Amino acid sequence: MQQNGEKDEILSTLVSVEDLAEKKAKIYSRLLTDATLAKDMEELALRHSKRKQALERLLNGKTNAKGEEE
């Protein structure tokens, strides 16, 4: 079984990955000349942002693994 510190480290790494993915998707949404692809990248950035927020809530102990308030 993993220790809390190890779980926090994993969650922190996942937050960083989602943050980077969100930033990259935002950049691509501005660089792409195809309007449909640019919109898709904006939507992808939003999904990454939502996942990052959910991971941050887990990391900060505000919700349990099922997403319920503790």
N, C-alpha and C. Protein backbone atom coordinates (compact mmCIF):
# COMPACT_ATOMS: atom_id res chain seq x y z
N MET A 1 0.84 -1.18 0.00
CA MET A 1 0.00 0.00 0.00
C MET A 1 0.89 1.25 0.00
N GLN A 2 0.49 2.24 -0.76
CA GLN A 2 1.29 3.45 -0.87
C GLN A 2 1.07 4.37 0.32
N GLN A 3 2.12 5.04 0.72
CA GLN A 3 2.03 6.01 1.81
C GLN A 3 1.39 7.29 1.28
N ASN A 4 0.85 8.10 2.20
CA ASN A 4 0.21 9.36 1.81
C ASN A 4 1.17 10.27 1.06
N GLY A 5 2.42 10.34 1.50
CA GLY A 5 3.41 11.19 0.83
C GLY A 5 3.63 10.77 -0.61
N GLU A 6 3.65 9.46 -0.83
CA GLU A 6 3.84 8.94 -2.18
C GLU A 6 2.62 9.25 -3.05
N LYS A 7 1.43 9.11 -2.47
CA LYS A 7 0.21 9.44 -3.21
C LYS A 7 0.18 10.93 -3.56
N ASP A 8 0.58 11.76 -2.60
CA ASP A 8 0.62 13.21 -2.85
C ASP A 8 1.60 13.54 -3.96
N GLU A 9 2.73 12.85 -3.97
CA GLU A 9 3.73 13.09 -5.02
C GLU A 9 3.18 12.70 -6.39
N ILE A 10 2.48 11.58 -6.45
CA ILE A 10 1.88 11.14 -7.71
C ILE A 10 0.82 12.15 -8.17
N LEU A 11 -0.05 12.57 -7.25
CA LEU A 11 -1.08 13.55 -7.61
C LEU A 11 -0.45 14.86 -8.05
N SER A 12 0.60 15.27 -7.38
CA SER A 12 1.29 16.51 -7.74
C SER A 12 1.89 16.41 -9.14
N THR A 13 2.45 15.27 -9.46
CA THR A 13 3.00 15.05 -10.80
C THR A 13 1.89 15.10 -11.85
N LEU A 14 0.76 14.48 -11.54
CA LEU A 14 -0.36 14.50 -12.48
C LEU A 14 -0.90 15.91 -12.68
N VAL A 15 -0.93 16.71 -11.62
CA VAL A 15 -1.36 18.11 -11.73
C VAL A 15 -0.42 18.84 -12.68
N SER A 16 0.88 18.61 -12.54
CA SER A 16 1.86 19.26 -13.41
C SER A 16 1.69 18.85 -14.87
N VAL A 17 1.42 17.57 -15.09
CA VAL A 17 1.22 17.07 -16.45
C VAL A 17 -0.02 17.70 -17.07
N GLU A 18 -1.11 17.75 -16.32
CA GLU A 18 -2.34 18.36 -16.84
C GLU A 18 -2.15 19.85 -17.10
N ASP A 19 -1.39 20.52 -16.23
CA ASP A 19 -1.11 21.94 -16.41
C ASP A 19 -0.35 22.18 -17.72
N LEU A 20 0.67 21.37 -17.95
CA LEU A 20 1.46 21.50 -19.18
C LEU A 20 0.60 21.20 -20.41
N ALA A 21 -0.21 20.16 -20.33
CA ALA A 21 -1.08 19.81 -21.45
C ALA A 21 -2.08 20.92 -21.74
N GLU A 22 -2.62 21.53 -20.68
CA GLU A 22 -3.55 22.65 -20.85
C GLU A 22 -2.86 23.81 -21.56
N LYS A 23 -1.67 24.15 -21.11
CA LYS A 23 -0.93 25.27 -21.72
C LYS A 23 -0.62 25.00 -23.18
N LYS A 24 -0.19 23.78 -23.49
CA LYS A 24 0.13 23.44 -24.88
C LYS A 24 -1.10 23.52 -25.77
N ALA A 25 -2.23 23.01 -25.27
CA ALA A 25 -3.46 23.05 -26.05
C ALA A 25 -3.90 24.49 -26.30
N LYS A 26 -3.73 25.37 -25.30
CA LYS A 26 -4.08 26.78 -25.48
C LYS A 26 -3.19 27.42 -26.55
N ILE A 27 -1.91 27.12 -26.51
CA ILE A 27 -0.98 27.67 -27.50
C ILE A 27 -1.37 27.19 -28.90
N TYR A 28 -1.61 25.89 -29.04
CA TYR A 28 -2.00 25.35 -30.34
C TYR A 28 -3.30 25.96 -30.83
N SER A 29 -4.23 26.24 -29.91
CA SER A 29 -5.51 26.81 -30.34
C SER A 29 -5.32 28.19 -30.97
N ARG A 30 -4.27 28.89 -30.56
CA ARG A 30 -3.99 30.21 -31.13
C ARG A 30 -3.14 30.14 -32.39
N LEU A 31 -2.37 29.08 -32.54
CA LEU A 31 -1.48 28.96 -33.69
C LEU A 31 -2.14 28.32 -34.91
N LEU A 32 -3.10 27.46 -34.67
CA LEU A 32 -3.73 26.74 -35.78
C LEU A 32 -4.57 27.68 -36.63
N THR A 33 -4.43 27.53 -37.95
CA THR A 33 -5.20 28.38 -38.86
C THR A 33 -6.55 27.76 -39.20
N ASP A 34 -6.68 26.47 -39.01
CA ASP A 34 -7.96 25.79 -39.25
C ASP A 34 -8.87 26.07 -38.05
N ALA A 35 -9.98 26.75 -38.27
CA ALA A 35 -10.87 27.17 -37.19
C ALA A 35 -11.42 25.98 -36.40
N THR A 36 -11.73 24.89 -37.09
CA THR A 36 -12.27 23.71 -36.41
C THR A 36 -11.23 23.11 -35.47
N LEU A 37 -10.01 22.97 -35.96
CA LEU A 37 -8.95 22.43 -35.11
C LEU A 37 -8.64 23.36 -33.95
N ALA A 38 -8.67 24.66 -34.19
CA ALA A 38 -8.41 25.63 -33.12
C ALA A 38 -9.47 25.50 -32.03
N LYS A 39 -10.73 25.34 -32.44
CA LYS A 39 -11.82 25.18 -31.46
C LYS A 39 -11.65 23.88 -30.69
N ASP A 40 -11.26 22.83 -31.39
CA ASP A 40 -11.02 21.55 -30.72
C ASP A 40 -9.92 21.68 -29.67
N MET A 41 -8.88 22.42 -29.98
CA MET A 41 -7.79 22.63 -29.03
C MET A 41 -8.25 23.45 -27.82
N GLU A 42 -9.13 24.42 -28.05
CA GLU A 42 -9.69 25.19 -26.93
C GLU A 42 -10.47 24.28 -26.00
N GLU A 43 -11.28 23.39 -26.60
CA GLU A 43 -12.07 22.46 -25.80
C GLU A 43 -11.17 21.47 -25.06
N LEU A 44 -10.11 21.04 -25.72
CA LEU A 44 -9.16 20.14 -25.07
C LEU A 44 -8.49 20.82 -23.88
N ALA A 45 -8.13 22.08 -24.05
CA ALA A 45 -7.52 22.85 -22.96
C ALA A 45 -8.48 22.94 -21.78
N LEU A 46 -9.75 23.13 -22.05
CA LEU A 46 -10.75 23.21 -20.98
C LEU A 46 -10.86 21.87 -20.24
N ARG A 47 -10.83 20.77 -20.98
CA ARG A 47 -10.89 19.45 -20.33
C ARG A 47 -9.67 19.21 -19.45
N HIS A 48 -8.49 19.61 -19.93
CA HIS A 48 -7.28 19.49 -19.12
C HIS A 48 -7.40 20.34 -17.86
N SER A 49 -7.96 21.53 -18.00
CA SER A 49 -8.13 22.42 -16.85
C SER A 49 -9.05 21.79 -15.81
N LYS A 50 -10.13 21.19 -16.25
CA LYS A 50 -11.07 20.55 -15.32
C LYS A 50 -10.43 19.36 -14.62
N ARG A 51 -9.66 18.57 -15.37
CA ARG A 51 -8.97 17.44 -14.74
C ARG A 51 -7.94 17.93 -13.73
N LYS A 52 -7.23 19.00 -14.08
CA LYS A 52 -6.24 19.58 -13.16
C LYS A 52 -6.92 20.04 -11.88
N GLN A 53 -8.06 20.70 -12.00
CA GLN A 53 -8.79 21.17 -10.82
C GLN A 53 -9.24 20.00 -9.95
N ALA A 54 -9.71 18.92 -10.58
CA ALA A 54 -10.15 17.74 -9.82
C ALA A 54 -8.96 17.11 -9.09
N LEU A 55 -7.82 17.03 -9.76
CA LEU A 55 -6.63 16.48 -9.11
C LEU A 55 -6.17 17.36 -7.96
N GLU A 56 -6.25 18.67 -8.14
CA GLU A 56 -5.87 19.59 -7.06
C GLU A 56 -6.79 19.43 -5.85
N ARG A 57 -8.08 19.20 -6.10
CA ARG A 57 -9.01 18.97 -4.98
C ARG A 57 -8.64 17.69 -4.24
N LEU A 58 -8.30 16.64 -4.99
CA LEU A 58 -7.87 15.40 -4.35
C LEU A 58 -6.59 15.61 -3.55
N LEU A 59 -5.66 16.33 -4.14
CA LEU A 59 -4.38 16.59 -3.48
C LEU A 59 -4.56 17.38 -2.19
N ASN A 60 -5.49 18.31 -2.21
CA ASN A 60 -5.72 19.14 -1.03
C ASN A 60 -6.71 18.52 -0.05
N GLY A 61 -7.19 17.32 -0.34
CA GLY A 61 -8.05 16.60 0.58
C GLY A 61 -9.47 17.10 0.67
N LYS A 62 -9.93 17.85 -0.33
CA LYS A 62 -11.29 18.39 -0.28
C LYS A 62 -12.33 17.39 -0.75
N THR A 63 -11.91 16.38 -1.50
CA THR A 63 -12.83 15.34 -1.93
C THR A 63 -12.15 13.99 -1.79
N ASN A 64 -12.95 12.95 -1.74
CA ASN A 64 -12.37 11.62 -1.72
C ASN A 64 -12.22 11.12 -3.15
N ALA A 65 -11.79 9.89 -3.32
CA ALA A 65 -11.51 9.36 -4.65
C ALA A 65 -12.75 9.31 -5.54
N LYS A 66 -13.96 9.25 -4.94
CA LYS A 66 -15.19 9.21 -5.72
C LYS A 66 -15.70 10.60 -6.07
N GLY A 67 -14.99 11.63 -5.63
CA GLY A 67 -15.40 13.00 -5.93
C GLY A 67 -16.42 13.57 -4.98
N GLU A 68 -16.66 12.87 -3.86
CA GLU A 68 -17.64 13.34 -2.89
C GLU A 68 -16.96 14.23 -1.86
N GLU A 69 -17.69 15.24 -1.41
CA GLU A 69 -17.15 16.14 -0.37
C GLU A 69 -16.92 15.35 0.90
N GLU A 70 -15.82 15.64 1.57
CA GLU A 70 -15.53 14.96 2.85
C GLU A 70 -15.97 15.80 4.01
